Amino acid sequence: AIGDEVFGILNLNSSNGGGALQQYSVGETEALIKKNQQLLVMQMHQHLDGLRQVNIDSSTSVFIPGGSGGVGHFAVQIAGIRGAKQVITSASKDDGIQILKEQYKLKDVINHAKDNAVERVLELTQGQGADIVYDSTYLESSFAKSTQTVKEGGSWIVLGAFAEKDSKEAKSVAERKAKVVHADLARYWLGPERAQMKTLVQDA
């Protein structure tokens, strides 16, 4: 209705009627939802989008760098709920490490400010690497390390448009005979899956 606050992703293709001018913008109704208290759930669904593309069971090891961050703390919980055998994560601040250990009950928490995260992950996985690595840090410095921790034949998950074909990250993952998985909510807004988004938010 007129006056409602909404949230969504704009199609900025001007030939298709999209675009923005100062505080005004044009959006497709299918790509917008009414703003409400459930929007936080959408952030969780972005992480679910990455983890739902891989198989997790009682034999799976998962490494999530930055588990105390706004993105990572969802991912470590989802991996545990999905039944992962081992959830490894990392943080650099004492309070974040404490939360991960005490509140989220994670045993394998690496202090990446003090320890070599790559060496520790390999040590914790008997030298094989993690079956699934979910790097949601948006940091190339983290990507350079986390791509070295994925097991041969495993999956390296990244948010958004990082690790595209021929990128350093994609090549590093390919060298380990693993695959890159992209987690991206944009396809739910602008792609064929967009009809699912309103259902995801309404059902959350």
N, C-alpha and C. Protein backbone atom coordinates (compact mmCIF):
# COMPACT_ATOMS: atom_id res chain seq x y z
N ALA A 1 0.84 -1.18 0.00
CA ALA A 1 0.00 0.00 0.00
C ALA A 1 0.88 1.25 0.00
N ILE A 2 0.31 2.37 -0.43
CA ILE A 2 1.06 3.62 -0.46
C ILE A 2 1.51 3.98 0.96
N GLY A 3 2.78 4.32 1.09
CA GLY A 3 3.32 4.70 2.39
C GLY A 3 4.00 3.59 3.15
N ASP A 4 3.84 2.33 2.69
CA ASP A 4 4.50 1.21 3.37
C ASP A 4 6.01 1.28 3.18
N GLU A 5 6.76 0.92 4.22
CA GLU A 5 8.20 0.76 4.09
C GLU A 5 8.46 -0.64 3.58
N VAL A 6 9.32 -0.74 2.55
CA VAL A 6 9.57 -2.03 1.93
C VAL A 6 11.06 -2.30 1.86
N PHE A 7 11.39 -3.56 1.59
CA PHE A 7 12.77 -3.99 1.43
C PHE A 7 12.86 -4.87 0.20
N GLY A 8 13.97 -4.76 -0.54
CA GLY A 8 14.14 -5.61 -1.70
C GLY A 8 15.42 -5.26 -2.43
N ILE A 9 15.55 -5.78 -3.63
CA ILE A 9 16.71 -5.50 -4.48
C ILE A 9 16.21 -4.87 -5.77
N LEU A 10 16.80 -3.74 -6.14
CA LEU A 10 16.35 -3.01 -7.33
C LEU A 10 17.01 -3.55 -8.59
N ASN A 11 16.23 -3.59 -9.64
CA ASN A 11 16.76 -3.88 -10.96
C ASN A 11 17.16 -2.55 -11.58
N LEU A 12 18.46 -2.30 -11.71
CA LEU A 12 18.94 -1.00 -12.17
C LEU A 12 19.08 -0.92 -13.69
N ASN A 13 18.48 -1.86 -14.40
CA ASN A 13 18.49 -1.84 -15.86
C ASN A 13 17.48 -0.81 -16.33
N SER A 14 17.96 0.36 -16.76
CA SER A 14 17.06 1.46 -17.12
C SER A 14 16.18 1.12 -18.32
N SER A 15 16.66 0.23 -19.19
CA SER A 15 15.86 -0.15 -20.36
C SER A 15 14.64 -0.96 -19.96
N ASN A 16 14.68 -1.47 -18.72
CA ASN A 16 13.56 -2.27 -18.22
C ASN A 16 12.74 -1.49 -17.20
N GLY A 17 12.93 -0.17 -17.18
CA GLY A 17 12.15 0.66 -16.28
C GLY A 17 12.70 0.78 -14.88
N GLY A 18 13.88 0.22 -14.64
CA GLY A 18 14.47 0.29 -13.31
C GLY A 18 15.32 1.52 -13.13
N GLY A 19 15.82 1.72 -11.91
CA GLY A 19 16.71 2.84 -11.67
C GLY A 19 16.38 3.58 -10.40
N ALA A 20 17.18 4.60 -10.09
CA ALA A 20 16.98 5.38 -8.88
C ALA A 20 17.42 6.81 -9.11
N LEU A 21 16.79 7.75 -8.43
CA LEU A 21 17.15 9.17 -8.51
C LEU A 21 16.99 9.76 -7.12
N GLN A 22 18.14 10.08 -6.49
CA GLN A 22 18.14 10.60 -5.13
C GLN A 22 17.32 9.67 -4.23
N GLN A 23 16.28 10.19 -3.58
CA GLN A 23 15.54 9.35 -2.64
C GLN A 23 14.44 8.54 -3.31
N TYR A 24 14.31 8.64 -4.63
CA TYR A 24 13.26 7.92 -5.34
C TYR A 24 13.85 6.74 -6.12
N SER A 25 13.09 5.68 -6.22
CA SER A 25 13.54 4.53 -7.00
C SER A 25 12.33 3.77 -7.53
N VAL A 26 12.59 2.96 -8.54
CA VAL A 26 11.54 2.14 -9.15
C VAL A 26 11.92 0.69 -8.95
N GLY A 27 11.00 -0.10 -8.44
CA GLY A 27 11.26 -1.51 -8.22
C GLY A 27 10.09 -2.36 -8.65
N GLU A 28 10.38 -3.61 -8.97
CA GLU A 28 9.32 -4.55 -9.35
C GLU A 28 8.65 -5.08 -8.09
N THR A 29 7.34 -5.16 -8.11
CA THR A 29 6.61 -5.58 -6.91
C THR A 29 7.02 -6.98 -6.46
N GLU A 30 7.38 -7.85 -7.42
CA GLU A 30 7.77 -9.21 -7.06
C GLU A 30 9.08 -9.26 -6.31
N ALA A 31 9.88 -8.17 -6.41
CA ALA A 31 11.19 -8.14 -5.77
C ALA A 31 11.18 -7.35 -4.47
N LEU A 32 9.98 -7.02 -3.96
CA LEU A 32 9.86 -6.23 -2.75
C LEU A 32 8.97 -6.94 -1.74
N ILE A 33 9.30 -6.77 -0.46
CA ILE A 33 8.42 -7.24 0.59
C ILE A 33 8.25 -6.12 1.61
N LYS A 34 7.17 -6.16 2.35
CA LYS A 34 6.92 -5.15 3.37
C LYS A 34 7.92 -5.32 4.50
N LYS A 35 8.51 -4.20 4.92
CA LYS A 35 9.51 -4.23 5.98
C LYS A 35 8.85 -4.62 7.30
N ASN A 36 9.46 -5.59 8.00
CA ASN A 36 8.94 -6.01 9.29
C ASN A 36 10.05 -6.62 10.13
N GLN A 37 9.69 -7.13 11.28
CA GLN A 37 10.69 -7.64 12.21
C GLN A 37 11.34 -8.92 11.72
N GLN A 38 10.83 -9.50 10.64
CA GLN A 38 11.37 -10.76 10.16
C GLN A 38 12.53 -10.59 9.19
N LEU A 39 12.92 -9.34 8.90
CA LEU A 39 13.98 -9.14 7.92
C LEU A 39 15.30 -9.75 8.36
N LEU A 40 15.52 -9.83 9.68
CA LEU A 40 16.74 -10.47 10.16
C LEU A 40 16.82 -11.91 9.68
N VAL A 41 15.65 -12.52 9.52
CA VAL A 41 15.60 -13.90 9.05
C VAL A 41 16.20 -14.02 7.66
N MET A 42 16.10 -12.96 6.86
CA MET A 42 16.64 -13.01 5.50
C MET A 42 18.15 -13.19 5.52
N GLN A 43 18.82 -12.57 6.51
CA GLN A 43 20.25 -12.76 6.61
C GLN A 43 20.56 -14.23 6.87
N MET A 44 19.76 -14.85 7.73
CA MET A 44 19.95 -16.26 8.00
C MET A 44 19.73 -17.09 6.74
N HIS A 45 18.73 -16.70 5.93
CA HIS A 45 18.45 -17.47 4.72
C HIS A 45 19.60 -17.39 3.72
N GLN A 46 20.35 -16.28 3.74
CA GLN A 46 21.50 -16.20 2.85
C GLN A 46 22.51 -17.29 3.20
N HIS A 47 22.68 -17.53 4.49
CA HIS A 47 23.62 -18.57 4.91
C HIS A 47 23.03 -19.95 4.64
N LEU A 48 21.72 -20.07 4.83
CA LEU A 48 21.07 -21.32 4.49
C LEU A 48 21.23 -21.62 3.01
N ASP A 49 21.19 -20.57 2.18
CA ASP A 49 21.32 -20.78 0.74
C ASP A 49 22.65 -21.44 0.42
N GLY A 50 23.72 -21.04 1.11
CA GLY A 50 25.01 -21.67 0.88
C GLY A 50 25.04 -23.09 1.41
N LEU A 51 24.57 -23.29 2.63
CA LEU A 51 24.66 -24.60 3.26
C LEU A 51 23.65 -25.59 2.71
N ARG A 52 22.56 -25.11 2.13
CA ARG A 52 21.59 -26.05 1.56
C ARG A 52 22.08 -26.63 0.24
N GLN A 53 23.12 -26.04 -0.33
CA GLN A 53 23.66 -26.53 -1.60
C GLN A 53 24.70 -27.64 -1.40
N VAL A 54 24.98 -27.98 -0.15
CA VAL A 54 25.95 -29.03 0.14
C VAL A 54 25.33 -30.05 1.08
N ASN A 55 25.88 -31.24 1.08
CA ASN A 55 25.38 -32.29 1.97
C ASN A 55 26.12 -32.23 3.30
N ILE A 56 25.37 -32.20 4.38
CA ILE A 56 25.94 -32.21 5.73
C ILE A 56 25.30 -33.35 6.51
N ASP A 57 26.13 -34.22 7.07
CA ASP A 57 25.60 -35.30 7.90
C ASP A 57 26.58 -35.58 9.03
N SER A 58 26.40 -36.70 9.69
CA SER A 58 27.19 -37.02 10.88
C SER A 58 28.65 -37.35 10.58
N SER A 59 29.02 -37.35 9.29
CA SER A 59 30.42 -37.61 8.93
C SER A 59 31.12 -36.35 8.41
N THR A 60 30.41 -35.22 8.40
CA THR A 60 30.90 -34.00 7.74
C THR A 60 31.65 -33.09 8.70
N SER A 61 32.80 -32.59 8.24
CA SER A 61 33.52 -31.55 8.98
C SER A 61 33.32 -30.22 8.26
N VAL A 62 33.10 -29.16 9.05
CA VAL A 62 32.83 -27.84 8.49
C VAL A 62 33.75 -26.82 9.16
N PHE A 63 34.39 -25.97 8.35
CA PHE A 63 35.19 -24.88 8.89
C PHE A 63 34.57 -23.56 8.47
N ILE A 64 34.30 -22.69 9.46
CA ILE A 64 33.68 -21.39 9.22
C ILE A 64 34.56 -20.31 9.83
N PRO A 65 35.40 -19.64 9.01
CA PRO A 65 36.21 -18.54 9.54
C PRO A 65 35.32 -17.42 10.06
N GLY A 66 35.75 -16.75 11.12
CA GLY A 66 35.00 -15.61 11.63
C GLY A 66 33.64 -15.98 12.19
N GLY A 67 33.59 -17.04 12.99
CA GLY A 67 32.32 -17.53 13.50
C GLY A 67 31.62 -16.62 14.49
N SER A 68 32.31 -15.60 15.00
CA SER A 68 31.66 -14.68 15.93
C SER A 68 31.08 -13.46 15.23
N GLY A 69 31.25 -13.37 13.91
CA GLY A 69 30.76 -12.23 13.16
C GLY A 69 29.27 -12.30 12.87
N GLY A 70 28.74 -11.24 12.28
CA GLY A 70 27.31 -11.16 12.00
C GLY A 70 26.83 -12.23 11.06
N VAL A 71 27.68 -12.67 10.16
CA VAL A 71 27.34 -13.74 9.22
C VAL A 71 27.72 -15.09 9.80
N GLY A 72 28.94 -15.18 10.31
CA GLY A 72 29.47 -16.45 10.78
C GLY A 72 28.67 -17.08 11.90
N HIS A 73 28.11 -16.26 12.79
CA HIS A 73 27.42 -16.85 13.94
C HIS A 73 26.15 -17.59 13.52
N PHE A 74 25.54 -17.17 12.40
CA PHE A 74 24.42 -17.95 11.86
C PHE A 74 24.93 -19.27 11.31
N ALA A 75 26.02 -19.20 10.54
CA ALA A 75 26.52 -20.39 9.85
C ALA A 75 26.94 -21.49 10.81
N VAL A 76 27.61 -21.13 11.92
CA VAL A 76 28.05 -22.18 12.85
C VAL A 76 26.85 -22.88 13.49
N GLN A 77 25.79 -22.11 13.75
CA GLN A 77 24.60 -22.72 14.34
C GLN A 77 23.88 -23.62 13.35
N ILE A 78 23.77 -23.15 12.10
CA ILE A 78 23.08 -23.93 11.08
C ILE A 78 23.82 -25.23 10.81
N ALA A 79 25.16 -25.15 10.75
CA ALA A 79 25.95 -26.37 10.51
C ALA A 79 25.72 -27.38 11.62
N GLY A 80 25.64 -26.89 12.87
CA GLY A 80 25.37 -27.79 13.99
C GLY A 80 23.99 -28.39 13.92
N ILE A 81 23.00 -27.57 13.58
CA ILE A 81 21.63 -28.06 13.47
C ILE A 81 21.51 -29.09 12.36
N ARG A 82 22.27 -28.89 11.29
CA ARG A 82 22.24 -29.84 10.17
C ARG A 82 22.92 -31.17 10.51
N GLY A 83 23.59 -31.23 11.66
CA GLY A 83 24.15 -32.50 12.11
C GLY A 83 25.59 -32.75 11.77
N ALA A 84 26.37 -31.68 11.52
CA ALA A 84 27.78 -31.86 11.19
C ALA A 84 28.52 -32.58 12.31
N LYS A 85 29.43 -33.46 11.93
CA LYS A 85 30.23 -34.19 12.91
C LYS A 85 31.15 -33.24 13.66
N GLN A 86 31.73 -32.28 12.94
CA GLN A 86 32.71 -31.37 13.52
C GLN A 86 32.51 -29.98 12.94
N VAL A 87 32.36 -28.99 13.81
CA VAL A 87 32.27 -27.59 13.38
C VAL A 87 33.48 -26.85 13.94
N ILE A 88 34.34 -26.41 13.04
CA ILE A 88 35.54 -25.66 13.41
C ILE A 88 35.30 -24.20 13.03
N THR A 89 35.70 -23.29 13.88
CA THR A 89 35.55 -21.88 13.54
C THR A 89 36.74 -21.10 14.08
N SER A 90 36.75 -19.80 13.80
CA SER A 90 37.85 -18.96 14.26
C SER A 90 37.34 -17.58 14.63
N ALA A 91 38.10 -16.91 15.48
CA ALA A 91 37.81 -15.53 15.88
C ALA A 91 39.11 -14.94 16.39
N SER A 92 39.12 -13.62 16.56
CA SER A 92 40.36 -12.97 16.99
C SER A 92 40.25 -12.28 18.34
N LYS A 93 39.01 -12.11 18.84
CA LYS A 93 38.82 -11.41 20.11
C LYS A 93 38.36 -12.38 21.19
N ASP A 94 38.82 -12.14 22.40
CA ASP A 94 38.53 -13.05 23.51
C ASP A 94 37.04 -13.19 23.78
N ASP A 95 36.29 -12.08 23.69
CA ASP A 95 34.86 -12.17 23.98
C ASP A 95 34.13 -13.00 22.92
N GLY A 96 34.55 -12.86 21.65
CA GLY A 96 33.95 -13.67 20.60
C GLY A 96 34.26 -15.14 20.77
N ILE A 97 35.49 -15.45 21.13
CA ILE A 97 35.90 -16.83 21.36
C ILE A 97 35.11 -17.43 22.53
N GLN A 98 34.91 -16.64 23.57
CA GLN A 98 34.17 -17.11 24.73
C GLN A 98 32.72 -17.44 24.37
N ILE A 99 32.09 -16.57 23.57
CA ILE A 99 30.71 -16.82 23.14
C ILE A 99 30.61 -18.09 22.33
N LEU A 100 31.55 -18.27 21.40
CA LEU A 100 31.53 -19.46 20.55
C LEU A 100 31.67 -20.74 21.38
N LYS A 101 32.51 -20.69 22.39
CA LYS A 101 32.73 -21.87 23.22
C LYS A 101 31.61 -22.11 24.23
N GLU A 102 31.18 -21.05 24.89
CA GLU A 102 30.23 -21.21 25.99
C GLU A 102 28.78 -21.18 25.53
N GLN A 103 28.44 -20.26 24.64
CA GLN A 103 27.05 -20.14 24.23
C GLN A 103 26.70 -21.11 23.10
N TYR A 104 27.62 -21.24 22.13
CA TYR A 104 27.35 -22.11 20.99
C TYR A 104 27.93 -23.51 21.17
N LYS A 105 28.64 -23.73 22.29
CA LYS A 105 29.15 -25.05 22.65
C LYS A 105 30.08 -25.64 21.59
N LEU A 106 30.92 -24.78 21.00
CA LEU A 106 31.86 -25.25 19.99
C LEU A 106 33.20 -25.58 20.65
N LYS A 107 33.71 -26.73 20.33
CA LYS A 107 34.95 -27.20 20.95
C LYS A 107 36.18 -26.68 20.20
N ASP A 108 36.10 -26.65 18.87
CA ASP A 108 37.26 -26.32 18.05
C ASP A 108 37.19 -24.87 17.57
N VAL A 109 37.65 -23.96 18.42
CA VAL A 109 37.66 -22.53 18.10
C VAL A 109 39.11 -22.06 18.03
N ILE A 110 39.50 -21.54 16.88
CA ILE A 110 40.88 -21.11 16.64
C ILE A 110 40.99 -19.60 16.84
N ASN A 111 42.00 -19.17 17.56
CA ASN A 111 42.30 -17.75 17.67
C ASN A 111 43.22 -17.39 16.51
N HIS A 112 42.63 -16.86 15.42
CA HIS A 112 43.45 -16.63 14.23
C HIS A 112 44.36 -15.42 14.35
N ALA A 113 44.25 -14.68 15.46
CA ALA A 113 45.19 -13.58 15.70
C ALA A 113 46.50 -14.10 16.28
N LYS A 114 46.45 -15.29 16.87
CA LYS A 114 47.63 -15.86 17.52
C LYS A 114 48.13 -17.14 16.84
N ASP A 115 47.20 -17.91 16.29
CA ASP A 115 47.57 -19.20 15.71
C ASP A 115 47.46 -19.19 14.19
N ASN A 116 48.16 -20.10 13.55
CA ASN A 116 48.07 -20.29 12.11
C ASN A 116 46.80 -21.10 11.83
N ALA A 117 45.78 -20.43 11.30
CA ALA A 117 44.48 -21.08 11.11
C ALA A 117 44.56 -22.26 10.16
N VAL A 118 45.35 -22.13 9.09
CA VAL A 118 45.46 -23.22 8.12
C VAL A 118 46.05 -24.46 8.79
N GLU A 119 47.13 -24.28 9.51
CA GLU A 119 47.77 -25.41 10.19
C GLU A 119 46.84 -26.04 11.22
N ARG A 120 46.10 -25.20 11.95
CA ARG A 120 45.21 -25.73 12.99
C ARG A 120 44.05 -26.52 12.39
N VAL A 121 43.48 -26.03 11.28
CA VAL A 121 42.38 -26.76 10.65
C VAL A 121 42.88 -28.11 10.14
N LEU A 122 44.04 -28.12 9.51
CA LEU A 122 44.60 -29.38 9.01
C LEU A 122 44.90 -30.33 10.17
N GLU A 123 45.38 -29.78 11.26
CA GLU A 123 45.66 -30.61 12.44
C GLU A 123 44.37 -31.22 12.99
N LEU A 124 43.31 -30.42 13.05
CA LEU A 124 42.04 -30.89 13.60
C LEU A 124 41.32 -31.87 12.68
N THR A 125 41.72 -31.91 11.41
CA THR A 125 41.08 -32.82 10.45
C THR A 125 42.05 -33.89 9.96
N GLN A 126 43.05 -34.19 10.78
CA GLN A 126 44.03 -35.23 10.48
C GLN A 126 44.72 -35.02 9.14
N GLY A 127 44.98 -33.75 8.83
CA GLY A 127 45.72 -33.41 7.63
C GLY A 127 44.92 -33.39 6.35
N GLN A 128 43.62 -33.68 6.43
CA GLN A 128 42.81 -33.78 5.21
C GLN A 128 42.14 -32.47 4.82
N GLY A 129 41.88 -31.61 5.77
CA GLY A 129 41.09 -30.41 5.50
C GLY A 129 39.62 -30.67 5.78
N ALA A 130 38.83 -29.62 5.81
CA ALA A 130 37.40 -29.73 6.11
C ALA A 130 36.61 -30.08 4.85
N ASP A 131 35.58 -30.89 5.03
CA ASP A 131 34.71 -31.25 3.90
C ASP A 131 34.06 -30.00 3.30
N ILE A 132 33.66 -29.09 4.18
CA ILE A 132 32.99 -27.86 3.75
C ILE A 132 33.66 -26.68 4.45
N VAL A 133 34.03 -25.68 3.68
CA VAL A 133 34.57 -24.44 4.23
C VAL A 133 33.63 -23.32 3.79
N TYR A 134 33.12 -22.56 4.77
CA TYR A 134 32.19 -21.47 4.45
C TYR A 134 32.84 -20.17 4.90
N ASP A 135 33.42 -19.44 3.94
CA ASP A 135 34.10 -18.18 4.25
C ASP A 135 33.17 -17.02 3.94
N SER A 136 32.60 -16.44 4.98
CA SER A 136 31.64 -15.34 4.83
C SER A 136 32.25 -14.01 5.27
N THR A 137 33.58 -13.92 5.26
CA THR A 137 34.25 -12.73 5.81
C THR A 137 34.33 -11.57 4.82
N TYR A 138 34.18 -11.84 3.53
CA TYR A 138 34.34 -10.82 2.48
C TYR A 138 35.78 -10.31 2.39
N LEU A 139 36.74 -11.02 2.97
CA LEU A 139 38.13 -10.56 3.01
C LEU A 139 39.03 -11.44 2.16
N GLU A 140 39.75 -10.85 1.21
CA GLU A 140 40.65 -11.62 0.37
C GLU A 140 41.75 -12.28 1.19
N SER A 141 42.17 -11.60 2.26
CA SER A 141 43.21 -12.18 3.11
C SER A 141 42.72 -13.47 3.77
N SER A 142 41.44 -13.52 4.10
CA SER A 142 40.86 -14.74 4.66
C SER A 142 40.68 -15.79 3.58
N PHE A 143 40.24 -15.38 2.40
CA PHE A 143 40.06 -16.32 1.30
C PHE A 143 41.36 -17.07 0.99
N ALA A 144 42.48 -16.32 1.00
CA ALA A 144 43.77 -16.91 0.67
C ALA A 144 44.11 -18.05 1.62
N LYS A 145 43.66 -17.93 2.86
CA LYS A 145 43.93 -18.98 3.85
C LYS A 145 42.87 -20.07 3.83
N SER A 146 41.61 -19.68 3.79
CA SER A 146 40.55 -20.68 3.91
C SER A 146 40.50 -21.62 2.71
N THR A 147 40.90 -21.15 1.53
CA THR A 147 40.91 -22.05 0.37
C THR A 147 41.93 -23.16 0.53
N GLN A 148 42.89 -22.97 1.43
CA GLN A 148 43.90 -24.00 1.68
C GLN A 148 43.43 -25.04 2.69
N THR A 149 42.24 -24.81 3.26
CA THR A 149 41.77 -25.72 4.31
C THR A 149 40.67 -26.66 3.84
N VAL A 150 40.24 -26.54 2.58
CA VAL A 150 39.16 -27.40 2.10
C VAL A 150 39.72 -28.75 1.66
N LYS A 151 39.03 -29.78 1.99
CA LYS A 151 39.44 -31.15 1.67
C LYS A 151 39.33 -31.42 0.17
N GLU A 152 40.18 -32.28 -0.34
CA GLU A 152 40.08 -32.68 -1.74
C GLU A 152 38.69 -33.27 -1.99
N GLY A 153 38.01 -32.73 -3.01
CA GLY A 153 36.66 -33.18 -3.30
C GLY A 153 35.59 -32.48 -2.48
N GLY A 154 36.01 -31.53 -1.62
CA GLY A 154 35.06 -30.83 -0.77
C GLY A 154 34.46 -29.61 -1.43
N SER A 155 33.86 -28.74 -0.61
CA SER A 155 33.19 -27.54 -1.12
C SER A 155 33.66 -26.31 -0.35
N TRP A 156 33.94 -25.24 -1.09
CA TRP A 156 34.31 -23.95 -0.50
C TRP A 156 33.20 -22.97 -0.83
N ILE A 157 32.48 -22.52 0.20
CA ILE A 157 31.33 -21.64 0.01
C ILE A 157 31.73 -20.20 0.27
N VAL A 158 31.24 -19.29 -0.57
CA VAL A 158 31.54 -17.88 -0.41
C VAL A 158 30.28 -17.07 -0.70
N LEU A 159 30.14 -15.94 -0.02
CA LEU A 159 29.00 -15.06 -0.24
C LEU A 159 29.21 -14.17 -1.46
N GLY A 160 28.14 -13.94 -2.20
CA GLY A 160 28.17 -12.94 -3.26
C GLY A 160 28.99 -13.31 -4.47
N ALA A 161 29.60 -12.28 -5.09
CA ALA A 161 30.23 -12.44 -6.41
C ALA A 161 31.73 -12.69 -6.34
N PHE A 162 32.25 -13.08 -5.19
CA PHE A 162 33.66 -13.41 -5.10
C PHE A 162 33.93 -14.76 -5.77
N ALA A 163 35.21 -15.03 -6.01
CA ALA A 163 35.65 -16.33 -6.54
C ALA A 163 34.99 -16.68 -7.86
N GLU A 164 34.88 -15.68 -8.74
CA GLU A 164 34.37 -15.96 -10.07
C GLU A 164 35.43 -16.73 -10.87
N LYS A 165 35.05 -17.21 -12.02
CA LYS A 165 35.95 -18.02 -12.85
C LYS A 165 37.27 -17.29 -13.11
N ASP A 166 38.37 -18.00 -13.00
CA ASP A 166 39.73 -17.50 -13.23
C ASP A 166 40.24 -16.58 -12.11
N SER A 167 39.48 -16.42 -11.03
CA SER A 167 39.97 -15.64 -9.90
C SER A 167 40.99 -16.46 -9.12
N LYS A 168 41.76 -15.79 -8.26
CA LYS A 168 42.74 -16.49 -7.44
C LYS A 168 42.07 -17.54 -6.57
N GLU A 169 40.92 -17.18 -6.01
CA GLU A 169 40.23 -18.10 -5.13
C GLU A 169 39.74 -19.34 -5.88
N ALA A 170 39.15 -19.11 -7.06
CA ALA A 170 38.63 -20.23 -7.84
C ALA A 170 39.76 -21.18 -8.25
N LYS A 171 40.90 -20.61 -8.64
CA LYS A 171 42.04 -21.44 -9.03
C LYS A 171 42.58 -22.23 -7.85
N SER A 172 42.64 -21.58 -6.68
CA SER A 172 43.14 -22.26 -5.49
C SER A 172 42.24 -23.42 -5.10
N VAL A 173 40.93 -23.22 -5.18
CA VAL A 173 39.98 -24.28 -4.85
C VAL A 173 40.10 -25.42 -5.87
N ALA A 174 40.24 -25.06 -7.15
CA ALA A 174 40.37 -26.08 -8.20
C ALA A 174 41.62 -26.92 -8.01
N GLU A 175 42.70 -26.30 -7.55
CA GLU A 175 43.94 -27.03 -7.31
C GLU A 175 43.75 -28.12 -6.26
N ARG A 176 42.80 -27.90 -5.36
CA ARG A 176 42.52 -28.89 -4.32
C ARG A 176 41.41 -29.86 -4.76
N LYS A 177 41.05 -29.77 -6.03
CA LYS A 177 40.02 -30.64 -6.61
C LYS A 177 38.70 -30.52 -5.84
N ALA A 178 38.45 -29.31 -5.37
CA ALA A 178 37.20 -29.01 -4.67
C ALA A 178 36.36 -28.10 -5.56
N LYS A 179 35.17 -27.75 -5.11
CA LYS A 179 34.30 -26.91 -5.92
C LYS A 179 33.91 -25.65 -5.16
N VAL A 180 33.67 -24.57 -5.92
CA VAL A 180 33.22 -23.31 -5.35
C VAL A 180 31.69 -23.29 -5.35
N VAL A 181 31.11 -22.89 -4.23
CA VAL A 181 29.66 -22.75 -4.10
C VAL A 181 29.36 -21.31 -3.74
N HIS A 182 28.48 -20.66 -4.49
CA HIS A 182 28.12 -19.27 -4.21
C HIS A 182 26.80 -19.19 -3.47
N ALA A 183 26.81 -18.48 -2.34
CA ALA A 183 25.58 -18.19 -1.60
C ALA A 183 25.18 -16.76 -1.91
N ASP A 184 24.00 -16.58 -2.46
CA ASP A 184 23.61 -15.23 -2.89
C ASP A 184 22.09 -15.12 -2.93
N LEU A 185 21.56 -14.23 -2.08
CA LEU A 185 20.11 -14.03 -2.06
C LEU A 185 19.59 -13.28 -3.27
N ALA A 186 20.49 -12.63 -4.03
CA ALA A 186 20.03 -11.81 -5.16
C ALA A 186 19.21 -12.63 -6.15
N ARG A 187 19.56 -13.91 -6.31
CA ARG A 187 18.83 -14.71 -7.28
C ARG A 187 17.39 -14.96 -6.85
N TYR A 188 17.14 -14.85 -5.52
CA TYR A 188 15.77 -15.00 -5.05
C TYR A 188 14.94 -13.75 -5.35
N TRP A 189 15.64 -12.62 -5.56
CA TRP A 189 14.93 -11.38 -5.88
C TRP A 189 14.82 -11.18 -7.38
N LEU A 190 15.92 -11.46 -8.10
CA LEU A 190 15.96 -11.12 -9.51
C LEU A 190 15.98 -12.34 -10.42
N GLY A 191 16.15 -13.53 -9.87
CA GLY A 191 16.22 -14.74 -10.67
C GLY A 191 14.91 -15.52 -10.63
N PRO A 192 14.91 -16.71 -11.22
CA PRO A 192 13.68 -17.51 -11.29
C PRO A 192 13.17 -17.99 -9.94
N GLU A 193 14.05 -17.95 -8.90
CA GLU A 193 13.63 -18.42 -7.58
C GLU A 193 12.96 -17.33 -6.75
N ARG A 194 12.76 -16.13 -7.32
CA ARG A 194 12.32 -15.01 -6.49
C ARG A 194 10.95 -15.23 -5.85
N ALA A 195 10.12 -16.07 -6.45
CA ALA A 195 8.81 -16.34 -5.85
C ALA A 195 8.94 -17.05 -4.51
N GLN A 196 10.11 -17.71 -4.29
CA GLN A 196 10.31 -18.43 -3.04
C GLN A 196 10.60 -17.49 -1.87
N MET A 197 11.11 -16.28 -2.14
CA MET A 197 11.57 -15.42 -1.06
C MET A 197 10.45 -15.01 -0.12
N LYS A 198 9.31 -14.59 -0.66
CA LYS A 198 8.23 -14.17 0.22
C LYS A 198 7.78 -15.34 1.09
N THR A 199 7.79 -16.54 0.52
CA THR A 199 7.41 -17.72 1.29
C THR A 199 8.42 -17.98 2.39
N LEU A 200 9.72 -17.83 2.08
CA LEU A 200 10.76 -18.05 3.08
C LEU A 200 10.61 -17.10 4.25
N VAL A 201 10.37 -15.83 3.97
CA VAL A 201 10.25 -14.83 5.03
C VAL A 201 8.96 -15.01 5.81
N GLN A 202 7.87 -15.28 5.10
CA GLN A 202 6.58 -15.43 5.78
C GLN A 202 6.54 -16.66 6.66
N ASP A 203 7.27 -17.72 6.25
CA ASP A 203 7.25 -18.96 7.02
C ASP A 203 8.23 -18.95 8.17
N ALA A 204 9.16 -17.98 8.18
CA ALA A 204 10.22 -17.97 9.19
C ALA A 204 9.67 -17.63 10.57
